[in-house]
Amino acid sequence: MLALVQKQPLVLKYHKGPLLKGNITLHLLWYGTFTPTQRSIVIDFLESLTSTSSPESPSVSTWWKTTESYRGGPCTLVVGNQILDENYSLGKSLKNDNLVALASNPKLNSAPGDRVVHVILTAADVAVEDFCMNQCGTHGRGKNGNSEKIAYAWVGNSVTQCPGQCAWPFHQPLYGPQTPPLVAPNGDVGVDGMVINLATVLAGAVTNPFEDGYYQGPASAPLEAVSACTGIFGKGAYPGYAGDVLAENATGVSYNAVGMRGRKFLLPAMWDPLTSTCKTLV
């Protein structure tokens, strides 16, 4: 007789470390050249995460609300300082140590005790160690000018380097089924891909900020709140297919969340501790 094997639930273990809860300030460092439109797409996304002003559903803030189910309650994000480093102060090829150095920029400092995440966004012509090879973005820890432990996050614009890996499903994948790509909701494959990766690393940064929060697997290569649900954007998703998402009849753009000023985004599934499943908005 053939035994039926039930699929085991996905579980991210809590490793008893601190999470980022309460009011969190995001200080941004734009490294390289970004147009005002590109910056506005990202800012609209960040401001939509905990905004209640979007009358449309499904909303970006509903997606972020899943983080409340992790220990400690709500996490409210606000955009703080912004720095434009358009002169590539550390060059166009960055190591991971350079990311920590950028995250420690004194202009991003906050008052002692403030809860912050320093967010580094690199332009399309900036190469970052392991970018396109092992990661599309990351988060980690460093120190600010007050020698306090801080969380930082980084994502890069992959449009000229590896859109098939880091901007999927808005570009055909490097491997696997070559299904037609979805139409990017804001008309910018690179930046709409950055939003997906930024959503991924921010969820990881607040639920596993210092490598002892929620994750599955080894601490050096953890599966976190969103990275545990890679490739899932809507119900019925499978490798090479993002799932059933919404589409505008007039433009064909694909999305599953609406933010401030009616801006549309495609956001990845997030693991829900209440159900031990990858939760989608649609």
C-alpha atoms as a PDB file:
ATOM      1  CA  MET A   1       0.000   0.000   0.000  1.00  0.00           C
ATOM      2  CA  LEU A   2       1.076   3.538  -0.723  1.00  0.00           C
ATOM      3  CA  ALA A   3       1.088   5.749   2.333  1.00  0.00           C
ATOM      4  CA  LEU A   4      -0.392   9.200   2.026  1.00  0.00           C
ATOM      5  CA  VAL A   5       2.083  11.848   3.092  1.00  0.00           C
ATOM      6  CA  GLN A   6       0.558  15.014   4.476  1.00  0.00           C
ATOM      7  CA  LYS A   7       2.307  18.284   3.770  1.00  0.00           C
ATOM      8  CA  GLN A   8       3.827  19.596   6.962  1.00  0.00           C
ATOM      9  CA  PRO A   9       2.910  23.156   8.018  1.00  0.00           C
ATOM     10  CA  LEU A  10       5.527  25.842   7.531  1.00  0.00           C
ATOM     11  CA  VAL A  11       6.788  26.992  10.925  1.00  0.00           C
ATOM     12  CA  LEU A  12       9.168  29.846  11.656  1.00  0.00           C
ATOM     13  CA  LYS A  13      10.605  29.239  15.105  1.00  0.00           C
ATOM     14  CA  TYR A  14      10.914  32.135  17.540  1.00  0.00           C
ATOM     15  CA  HIS A  15      14.468  32.242  18.901  1.00  0.00           C
ATOM     16  CA  LYS A  16      13.669  34.504  21.877  1.00  0.00           C
ATOM     17  CA  GLY A  17      15.466  37.616  20.641  1.00  0.00           C
ATOM     18  CA  PRO A  18      14.094  41.180  20.446  1.00  0.00           C
ATOM     19  CA  LEU A  19      11.782  42.224  17.619  1.00  0.00           C
ATOM     20  CA  LEU A  20      11.232  45.752  16.335  1.00  0.00           C
ATOM     21  CA  LYS A  21       7.837  46.849  17.617  1.00  0.00           C
ATOM     22  CA  GLY A  22       6.125  50.157  18.294  1.00  0.00           C
ATOM     23  CA  ASN A  23       7.066  53.247  16.290  1.00  0.00           C
ATOM     24  CA  ILE A  24       9.956  52.583  13.899  1.00  0.00           C
ATOM     25  CA  THR A  25      11.656  55.302  11.833  1.00  0.00           C
ATOM     26  CA  LEU A  26      13.081  54.449   8.406  1.00  0.00           C
ATOM     27  CA  HIS A  27      16.068  56.608   7.464  1.00  0.00           C
ATOM     28  CA  LEU A  28      16.818  56.323   3.737  1.00  0.00           C
ATOM     29  CA  LEU A  29      20.087  56.588   1.825  1.00  0.00           C
ATOM     30  CA  TRP A  30      19.675  56.736  -1.962  1.00  0.00           C
ATOM     31  CA  TYR A  31      23.000  55.583  -3.395  1.00  0.00           C
ATOM     32  CA  GLY A  32      23.489  56.534  -7.035  1.00  0.00           C
ATOM     33  CA  THR A  33      21.093  58.079  -9.517  1.00  0.00           C
ATOM     34  CA  PHE A  34      17.345  57.789  -9.014  1.00  0.00           C
ATOM     35  CA  THR A  35      14.769  59.922 -10.782  1.00  0.00           C
ATOM     36  CA  PRO A  36      12.195  61.820  -8.705  1.00  0.00           C
ATOM     37  CA  THR A  37       9.528  59.445 -10.045  1.00  0.00           C
ATOM     38  CA  GLN A  38      11.487  56.402  -8.930  1.00  0.00           C
ATOM     39  CA  ARG A  39      11.932  57.840  -5.454  1.00  0.00           C
ATOM     40  CA  SER A  40       8.238  58.699  -5.242  1.00  0.00           C
ATOM     41  CA  ILE A  41       7.241  55.082  -6.018  1.00  0.00           C
ATOM     42  CA  VAL A  42       9.341  53.796  -3.128  1.00  0.00           C
ATOM     43  CA  ILE A  43       8.274  56.553  -0.721  1.00  0.00           C
ATOM     44  CA  ASP A  44       4.603  55.983  -1.539  1.00  0.00           C
ATOM     45  CA  PHE A  45       5.072  52.295  -0.759  1.00  0.00           C
ATOM     46  CA  LEU A  46       6.799  52.958   2.559  1.00  0.00           C
ATOM     47  CA  GLU A  47       4.248  55.542   3.634  1.00  0.00           C
ATOM     48  CA  SER A  48       1.434  53.152   2.687  1.00  0.00           C
ATOM     49  CA  LEU A  49       2.650  50.390   4.996  1.00  0.00           C
ATOM     50  CA  THR A  50       0.985  51.820   8.080  1.00  0.00           C
ATOM     51  CA  SER A  51      -1.322  54.393   6.529  1.00  0.00           C
ATOM     52  CA  THR A  52      -5.066  54.137   7.015  1.00  0.00           C
ATOM     53  CA  SER A  53      -5.887  56.693   4.325  1.00  0.00           C
ATOM     54  CA  SER A  54      -6.177  54.230   1.424  1.00  0.00           C
ATOM     55  CA  PRO A  55      -9.904  53.652   0.834  1.00  0.00           C
ATOM     56  CA  GLU A  56      -9.291  50.790  -1.560  1.00  0.00           C
ATOM     57  CA  SER A  57      -8.904  47.133  -0.753  1.00  0.00           C
ATOM     58  CA  PRO A  58      -6.719  45.112  -0.671  1.00  0.00           C
ATOM     59  CA  SER A  59      -4.400  47.674   0.883  1.00  0.00           C
ATOM     60  CA  VAL A  60      -0.671  47.811   1.533  1.00  0.00           C
ATOM     61  CA  SER A  61      -1.367  48.440   5.224  1.00  0.00           C
ATOM     62  CA  THR A  62      -3.420  45.211   5.419  1.00  0.00           C
ATOM     63  CA  TRP A  63      -0.384  43.341   4.104  1.00  0.00           C
ATOM     64  CA  TRP A  64       1.875  44.887   6.766  1.00  0.00           C
ATOM     65  CA  LYS A  65      -0.680  44.242   9.511  1.00  0.00           C
ATOM     66  CA  THR A  66       0.318  40.563   9.468  1.00  0.00           C
ATOM     67  CA  THR A  67       3.499  41.581  11.338  1.00  0.00           C
ATOM     68  CA  GLU A  68       1.254  42.338  14.330  1.00  0.00           C
ATOM     69  CA  SER A  69       0.712  38.596  14.723  1.00  0.00           C
ATOM     70  CA  TYR A  70       4.376  38.182  15.630  1.00  0.00           C
ATOM     71  CA  ARG A  71       5.201  38.613  19.327  1.00  0.00           C
ATOM     72  CA  GLY A  72       4.997  42.136  20.683  1.00  0.00           C
ATOM     73  CA  GLY A  73       2.100  43.658  18.782  1.00  0.00           C
ATOM     74  CA  PRO A  74       1.991  46.403  16.146  1.00  0.00           C
ATOM     75  CA  CYS A  75       4.932  47.949  14.319  1.00  0.00           C
ATOM     76  CA  THR A  76       4.336  51.400  12.830  1.00  0.00           C
ATOM     77  CA  LEU A  77       6.764  52.672  10.188  1.00  0.00           C
ATOM     78  CA  VAL A  78       7.435  56.314   9.336  1.00  0.00           C
ATOM     79  CA  VAL A  79       9.931  57.772   6.857  1.00  0.00           C
ATOM     80  CA  GLY A  80      12.591  59.868   8.554  1.00  0.00           C
ATOM     81  CA  ASN A  81      15.740  61.431   7.091  1.00  0.00           C
ATOM     82  CA  GLN A  82      16.713  60.989   3.454  1.00  0.00           C
ATOM     83  CA  ILE A  83      20.208  61.331   2.003  1.00  0.00           C
ATOM     84  CA  LEU A  84      20.993  61.492  -1.714  1.00  0.00           C
ATOM     85  CA  ASP A  85      24.456  60.093  -2.461  1.00  0.00           C
ATOM     86  CA  GLU A  86      24.421  60.785  -6.190  1.00  0.00           C
ATOM     87  CA  ASN A  87      28.223  60.994  -6.412  1.00  0.00           C
ATOM     88  CA  TYR A  88      28.770  57.307  -5.508  1.00  0.00           C
ATOM     89  CA  SER A  89      30.918  58.170  -2.472  1.00  0.00           C
ATOM     90  CA  LEU A  90      32.219  54.589  -2.159  1.00  0.00           C
ATOM     91  CA  GLY A  91      32.323  53.820  -5.873  1.00  0.00           C
ATOM     92  CA  LYS A  92      30.062  51.658  -8.001  1.00  0.00           C
ATOM     93  CA  SER A  93      31.157  48.279  -6.648  1.00  0.00           C
ATOM     94  CA  LEU A  94      30.227  47.746  -3.010  1.00  0.00           C
ATOM     95  CA  LYS A  95      31.158  45.042  -0.527  1.00  0.00           C
ATOM     96  CA  ASN A  96      28.947  44.034   2.361  1.00  0.00           C
ATOM     97  CA  ASP A  97      31.194  46.031   4.683  1.00  0.00           C
ATOM     98  CA  ASN A  98      30.425  49.094   2.571  1.00  0.00           C
ATOM     99  CA  LEU A  99      26.721  48.604   3.211  1.00  0.00           C
ATOM    100  CA  VAL A 100      27.377  48.626   6.961  1.00  0.00           C
ATOM    101  CA  ALA A 101      29.460  51.795   6.524  1.00  0.00           C
ATOM    102  CA  LEU A 102      26.679  53.492   4.564  1.00  0.00           C
ATOM    103  CA  ALA A 103      24.139  52.437   7.179  1.00  0.00           C
ATOM    104  CA  SER A 104      26.344  54.076   9.819  1.00  0.00           C
ATOM    105  CA  ASN A 105      26.349  57.459   8.044  1.00  0.00           C
ATOM    106  CA  PRO A 106      26.222  60.128  10.800  1.00  0.00           C
ATOM    107  CA  LYS A 107      23.510  62.022   8.901  1.00  0.00           C
ATOM    108  CA  LEU A 108      21.192  59.068   9.525  1.00  0.00           C
ATOM    109  CA  ASN A 109      21.708  59.156  13.278  1.00  0.00           C
ATOM    110  CA  SER A 110      18.787  59.376  15.646  1.00  0.00           C
ATOM    111  CA  ALA A 111      18.508  60.180  19.314  1.00  0.00           C
ATOM    112  CA  PRO A 112      19.701  57.466  21.700  1.00  0.00           C
ATOM    113  CA  GLY A 113      17.063  54.829  22.259  1.00  0.00           C
ATOM    114  CA  ASP A 114      15.130  55.547  19.069  1.00  0.00           C
ATOM    115  CA  ARG A 115      13.930  52.511  17.139  1.00  0.00           C
ATOM    116  CA  VAL A 116      15.239  52.857  13.599  1.00  0.00           C
ATOM    117  CA  VAL A 117      16.008  50.934  10.430  1.00  0.00           C
ATOM    118  CA  HIS A 118      18.550  52.460   8.076  1.00  0.00           C
ATOM    119  CA  VAL A 119      17.518  51.643   4.504  1.00  0.00           C
ATOM    120  CA  ILE A 120      20.076  51.714   1.668  1.00  0.00           C
ATOM    121  CA  LEU A 121      18.789  51.769  -1.909  1.00  0.00           C
ATOM    122  CA  THR A 122      21.352  51.304  -4.696  1.00  0.00           C
ATOM    123  CA  ALA A 123      20.854  52.425  -8.284  1.00  0.00           C
ATOM    124  CA  ALA A 124      20.863  50.199 -11.370  1.00  0.00           C
ATOM    125  CA  ASP A 125      24.552  50.851 -12.138  1.00  0.00           C
ATOM    126  CA  VAL A 126      25.804  49.838  -8.688  1.00  0.00           C
ATOM    127  CA  ALA A 127      27.173  46.332  -8.165  1.00  0.00           C
ATOM    128  CA  VAL A 128      26.883  44.907  -4.647  1.00  0.00           C
ATOM    129  CA  GLU A 129      28.604  41.802  -3.280  1.00  0.00           C
ATOM    130  CA  ASP A 130      26.413  38.726  -3.842  1.00  0.00           C
ATOM    131  CA  PHE A 131      23.768  40.815  -5.641  1.00  0.00           C
ATOM    132  CA  CYS A 132      22.125  38.669  -8.335  1.00  0.00           C
ATOM    133  CA  MET A 133      24.056  35.632  -7.131  1.00  0.00           C
ATOM    134  CA  ASN A 134      22.662  34.873  -3.705  1.00  0.00           C
ATOM    135  CA  GLN A 135      20.452  37.821  -2.873  1.00  0.00           C
ATOM    136  CA  CYS A 136      18.283  40.647  -4.180  1.00  0.00           C
ATOM    137  CA  GLY A 137      18.373  42.488  -0.874  1.00  0.00           C
ATOM    138  CA  THR A 138      19.357  41.892   2.703  1.00  0.00           C
ATOM    139  CA  HIS A 139      19.148  43.211   6.222  1.00  0.00           C
ATOM    140  CA  GLY A 140      21.593  43.126   9.076  1.00  0.00           C
ATOM    141  CA  ARG A 141      22.888  45.009  12.063  1.00  0.00           C
ATOM    142  CA  GLY A 142      25.429  47.736  12.595  1.00  0.00           C
ATOM    143  CA  LYS A 143      26.079  50.637  14.968  1.00  0.00           C
ATOM    144  CA  ASN A 144      25.136  54.277  14.810  1.00  0.00           C
ATOM    145  CA  GLY A 145      27.104  57.289  16.016  1.00  0.00           C
ATOM    146  CA  ASN A 146      25.963  56.612  19.562  1.00  0.00           C
ATOM    147  CA  SER A 147      27.460  53.083  19.346  1.00  0.00           C
ATOM    148  CA  GLU A 148      23.976  51.611  19.671  1.00  0.00           C
ATOM    149  CA  LYS A 149      22.995  48.481  17.799  1.00  0.00           C
ATOM    150  CA  ILE A 150      20.862  49.371  14.781  1.00  0.00           C
ATOM    151  CA  ALA A 151      19.074  47.403  12.097  1.00  0.00           C
ATOM    152  CA  TYR A 152      19.686  48.162   8.443  1.00  0.00           C
ATOM    153  CA  ALA A 153      18.230  46.964   5.164  1.00  0.00           C
ATOM    154  CA  TRP A 154      19.478  47.111   1.574  1.00  0.00           C
ATOM    155  CA  VAL A 155      17.910  46.523  -1.826  1.00  0.00           C
ATOM    156  CA  GLY A 156      19.237  47.254  -5.306  1.00  0.00           C
ATOM    157  CA  ASN A 157      17.724  48.089  -8.677  1.00  0.00           C
ATOM    158  CA  SER A 158      18.280  44.939 -10.732  1.00  0.00           C
ATOM    159  CA  VAL A 159      16.920  46.118 -14.092  1.00  0.00           C
ATOM    160  CA  THR A 160      20.270  46.024 -15.921  1.00  0.00           C
ATOM    161  CA  GLN A 161      21.970  43.285 -13.895  1.00  0.00           C
ATOM    162  CA  CYS A 162      19.504  40.471 -13.172  1.00  0.00           C
ATOM    163  CA  PRO A 163      15.840  41.380 -13.711  1.00  0.00           C
ATOM    164  CA  GLY A 164      15.001  37.725 -14.356  1.00  0.00           C
ATOM    165  CA  GLN A 165      16.042  36.930 -10.808  1.00  0.00           C
ATOM    166  CA  CYS A 166      15.354  40.054  -8.755  1.00  0.00           C
ATOM    167  CA  ALA A 167      12.509  41.710 -10.699  1.00  0.00           C
ATOM    168  CA  TRP A 168      10.455  38.580 -11.387  1.00  0.00           C
ATOM    169  CA  PRO A 169       7.514  38.334 -12.099  1.00  0.00           C
ATOM    170  CA  PHE A 170       7.905  41.583 -14.098  1.00  0.00           C
ATOM    171  CA  HIS A 171      10.619  39.959 -16.234  1.00  0.00           C
ATOM    172  CA  GLN A 172      10.983  36.452 -17.585  1.00  0.00           C
ATOM    173  CA  PRO A 173      12.959  34.266 -15.164  1.00  0.00           C
ATOM    174  CA  LEU A 174      16.480  33.093 -15.863  1.00  0.00           C
ATOM    175  CA  TYR A 175      15.423  29.480 -15.384  1.00  0.00           C
ATOM    176  CA  GLY A 176      12.254  27.458 -15.265  1.00  0.00           C
ATOM    177  CA  PRO A 177       8.975  28.017 -17.109  1.00  0.00           C
ATOM    178  CA  GLN A 178       9.212  30.967 -19.474  1.00  0.00           C
ATOM    179  CA  THR A 179       5.739  32.340 -18.916  1.00  0.00           C
ATOM    180  CA  PRO A 180       5.027  35.908 -20.093  1.00  0.00           C
ATOM    181  CA  PRO A 181       6.020  38.460 -17.442  1.00  0.00           C
ATOM    182  CA  LEU A 182       3.430  40.526 -15.625  1.00  0.00           C
ATOM    183  CA  VAL A 183       3.112  44.227 -16.374  1.00  0.00           C
ATOM    184  CA  ALA A 184       4.778  46.299 -13.631  1.00  0.00           C
ATOM    185  CA  PRO A 185       2.139  48.370 -11.807  1.00  0.00           C
ATOM    186  CA  ASN A 186       4.173  51.581 -11.868  1.00  0.00           C
ATOM    187  CA  GLY A 187       5.743  51.104 -15.288  1.00  0.00           C
ATOM    188  CA  ASP A 188       9.267  50.589 -13.929  1.00  0.00           C
ATOM    189  CA  VAL A 189      10.447  46.959 -13.850  1.00  0.00           C
ATOM    190  CA  GLY A 190      13.507  47.775 -11.755  1.00  0.00           C
ATOM    191  CA  VAL A 191      11.772  49.882  -9.106  1.00  0.00           C
ATOM    192  CA  ASP A 192       8.631  47.741  -8.934  1.00  0.00           C
ATOM    193  CA  GLY A 193      11.008  44.826  -8.372  1.00  0.00           C
ATOM    194  CA  MET A 194      12.760  46.851  -5.666  1.00  0.00           C
ATOM    195  CA  VAL A 195       9.416  47.253  -3.884  1.00  0.00           C
ATOM    196  CA  ILE A 196       8.993  43.459  -3.742  1.00  0.00           C
ATOM    197  CA  ASN A 197      12.480  43.038  -2.314  1.00  0.00           C
ATOM    198  CA  LEU A 198      12.089  45.987   0.055  1.00  0.00           C
ATOM    199  CA  ALA A 199       8.876  44.455   1.382  1.00  0.00           C
ATOM    200  CA  THR A 200      10.790  41.206   1.901  1.00  0.00           C
ATOM    201  CA  VAL A 201      13.732  42.666   3.826  1.00  0.00           C
ATOM    202  CA  LEU A 202      11.660  45.082   5.917  1.00  0.00           C
ATOM    203  CA  ALA A 203       9.417  42.244   7.106  1.00  0.00           C
ATOM    204  CA  GLY A 204      12.578  40.314   7.954  1.00  0.00           C
ATOM    205  CA  ALA A 205      14.159  43.323   9.649  1.00  0.00           C
ATOM    206  CA  VAL A 206      11.305  43.802  12.121  1.00  0.00           C
ATOM    207  CA  THR A 207      10.624  40.120  12.840  1.00  0.00           C
ATOM    208  CA  ASN A 208      14.273  38.988  12.927  1.00  0.00           C
ATOM    209  CA  PRO A 209      16.348  42.152  13.339  1.00  0.00           C
ATOM    210  CA  PHE A 210      19.363  40.700  15.144  1.00  0.00           C
ATOM    211  CA  GLU A 211      19.436  37.060  13.972  1.00  0.00           C
ATOM    212  CA  ASP A 212      17.531  35.724  16.985  1.00  0.00           C
ATOM    213  CA  GLY A 213      13.908  36.452  16.116  1.00  0.00           C
ATOM    214  CA  TYR A 214      11.588  34.463  13.836  1.00  0.00           C
ATOM    215  CA  TYR A 215      13.194  32.282  11.184  1.00  0.00           C
ATOM    216  CA  GLN A 216      13.587  28.741   9.907  1.00  0.00           C
ATOM    217  CA  GLY A 217      16.882  27.046   9.115  1.00  0.00           C
ATOM    218  CA  PRO A 218      20.410  28.249   9.951  1.00  0.00           C
ATOM    219  CA  ALA A 219      20.844  31.787  11.309  1.00  0.00           C
ATOM    220  CA  SER A 220      23.429  32.456   8.579  1.00  0.00           C
ATOM    221  CA  ALA A 221      20.891  31.756   5.815  1.00  0.00           C
ATOM    222  CA  PRO A 222      17.470  32.060   7.423  1.00  0.00           C
ATOM    223  CA  LEU A 223      14.037  31.737   5.873  1.00  0.00           C
ATOM    224  CA  GLU A 224      12.152  34.700   7.295  1.00  0.00           C
ATOM    225  CA  ALA A 225       8.661  36.201   7.294  1.00  0.00           C
ATOM    226  CA  VAL A 226       8.549  36.727   3.517  1.00  0.00           C
ATOM    227  CA  SER A 227      11.572  34.847   2.175  1.00  0.00           C
ATOM    228  CA  ALA A 228       9.952  31.647   3.478  1.00  0.00           C
ATOM    229  CA  CYS A 229       7.149  32.315   0.983  1.00  0.00           C
ATOM    230  CA  THR A 230       9.268  33.130  -2.078  1.00  0.00           C
ATOM    231  CA  GLY A 231       7.443  33.301  -5.405  1.00  0.00           C
ATOM    232  CA  ILE A 232       3.930  33.490  -3.953  1.00  0.00           C
ATOM    233  CA  PHE A 233       1.861  36.598  -4.748  1.00  0.00           C
ATOM    234  CA  GLY A 234      -1.654  35.195  -5.053  1.00  0.00           C
ATOM    235  CA  LYS A 235      -3.663  32.048  -4.524  1.00  0.00           C
ATOM    236  CA  GLY A 236      -2.723  29.087  -6.699  1.00  0.00           C
ATOM    237  CA  ALA A 237       0.923  30.110  -7.055  1.00  0.00           C
ATOM    238  CA  TYR A 238       3.512  27.521  -8.052  1.00  0.00           C
ATOM    239  CA  PRO A 239       7.096  27.727  -9.353  1.00  0.00           C
ATOM    240  CA  GLY A 240       7.041  29.987 -12.393  1.00  0.00           C
ATOM    241  CA  TYR A 241       3.509  31.263 -11.710  1.00  0.00           C
ATOM    242  CA  ALA A 242       2.955  34.150  -9.287  1.00  0.00           C
ATOM    243  CA  GLY A 243      -0.623  33.181  -8.525  1.00  0.00           C
ATOM    244  CA  ASP A 244      -3.978  34.800  -9.173  1.00  0.00           C
ATOM    245  CA  VAL A 245      -3.492  38.547  -8.847  1.00  0.00           C
ATOM    246  CA  LEU A 246      -5.498  41.572  -9.930  1.00  0.00           C
ATOM    247  CA  ALA A 247      -5.100  43.280 -13.295  1.00  0.00           C
ATOM    248  CA  GLU A 248      -6.315  46.571 -14.726  1.00  0.00           C
ATOM    249  CA  ASN A 249      -8.388  46.110 -17.840  1.00  0.00           C
ATOM    250  CA  ALA A 250      -7.203  49.343 -19.446  1.00  0.00           C
ATOM    251  CA  THR A 251      -3.459  49.012 -18.851  1.00  0.00           C
ATOM    252  CA  GLY A 252      -2.914  45.326 -18.108  1.00  0.00           C
ATOM    253  CA  VAL A 253      -0.805  46.118 -15.037  1.00  0.00           C
ATOM    254  CA  SER A 254      -0.769  43.463 -12.329  1.00  0.00           C
ATOM    255  CA  TYR A 255      -1.066  44.224  -8.617  1.00  0.00           C
ATOM    256  CA  ASN A 256      -2.454  42.893  -5.370  1.00  0.00           C
ATOM    257  CA  ALA A 257      -2.293  45.943  -3.086  1.00  0.00           C
ATOM    258  CA  VAL A 258      -3.306  49.597  -3.239  1.00  0.00           C
ATOM    259  CA  GLY A 259      -1.469  52.305  -1.344  1.00  0.00           C
ATOM    260  CA  MET A 260      -1.593  56.021  -0.814  1.00  0.00           C
ATOM    261  CA  ARG A 261      -2.786  58.211  -3.682  1.00  0.00           C
ATOM    262  CA  GLY A 262      -4.135  55.103  -5.376  1.00  0.00           C
ATOM    263  CA  ARG A 263      -0.646  53.780  -6.121  1.00  0.00           C
ATOM    264  CA  LYS A 264      -0.672  50.048  -6.945  1.00  0.00           C
ATOM    265  CA  PHE A 265       1.913  47.475  -5.903  1.00  0.00           C
ATOM    266  CA  LEU A 266       2.557  43.735  -6.148  1.00  0.00           C
ATOM    267  CA  LEU A 267       3.532  42.384  -2.736  1.00  0.00           C
ATOM    268  CA  PRO A 268       4.773  38.901  -1.817  1.00  0.00           C
ATOM    269  CA  ALA A 269       3.026  36.541   0.581  1.00  0.00           C
ATOM    270  CA  MET A 270       3.979  36.774   4.254  1.00  0.00           C
ATOM    271  CA  TRP A 271       4.060  33.922   6.760  1.00  0.00           C
ATOM    272  CA  ASP A 272       1.222  34.272   9.270  1.00  0.00           C
ATOM    273  CA  PRO A 273       2.022  32.919  12.770  1.00  0.00           C
ATOM    274  CA  LEU A 274      -1.692  32.495  13.489  1.00  0.00           C
ATOM    275  CA  THR A 275      -2.203  29.970  10.695  1.00  0.00           C
ATOM    276  CA  SER A 276       1.379  28.834   9.879  1.00  0.00           C
ATOM    277  CA  THR A 277       0.665  29.581   6.221  1.00  0.00           C
ATOM    278  CA  CYS A 278       1.917  31.983   3.578  1.00  0.00           C
ATOM    279  CA  LYS A 279      -0.782  34.657   3.594  1.00  0.00           C
ATOM    280  CA  THR A 280      -1.704  36.499   0.391  1.00  0.00           C
ATOM    281  CA  LEU A 281      -3.917  39.556  -0.084  1.00  0.00           C
ATOM    282  CA  VAL A 282      -5.850  38.070  -3.009  1.00  0.00           C
END
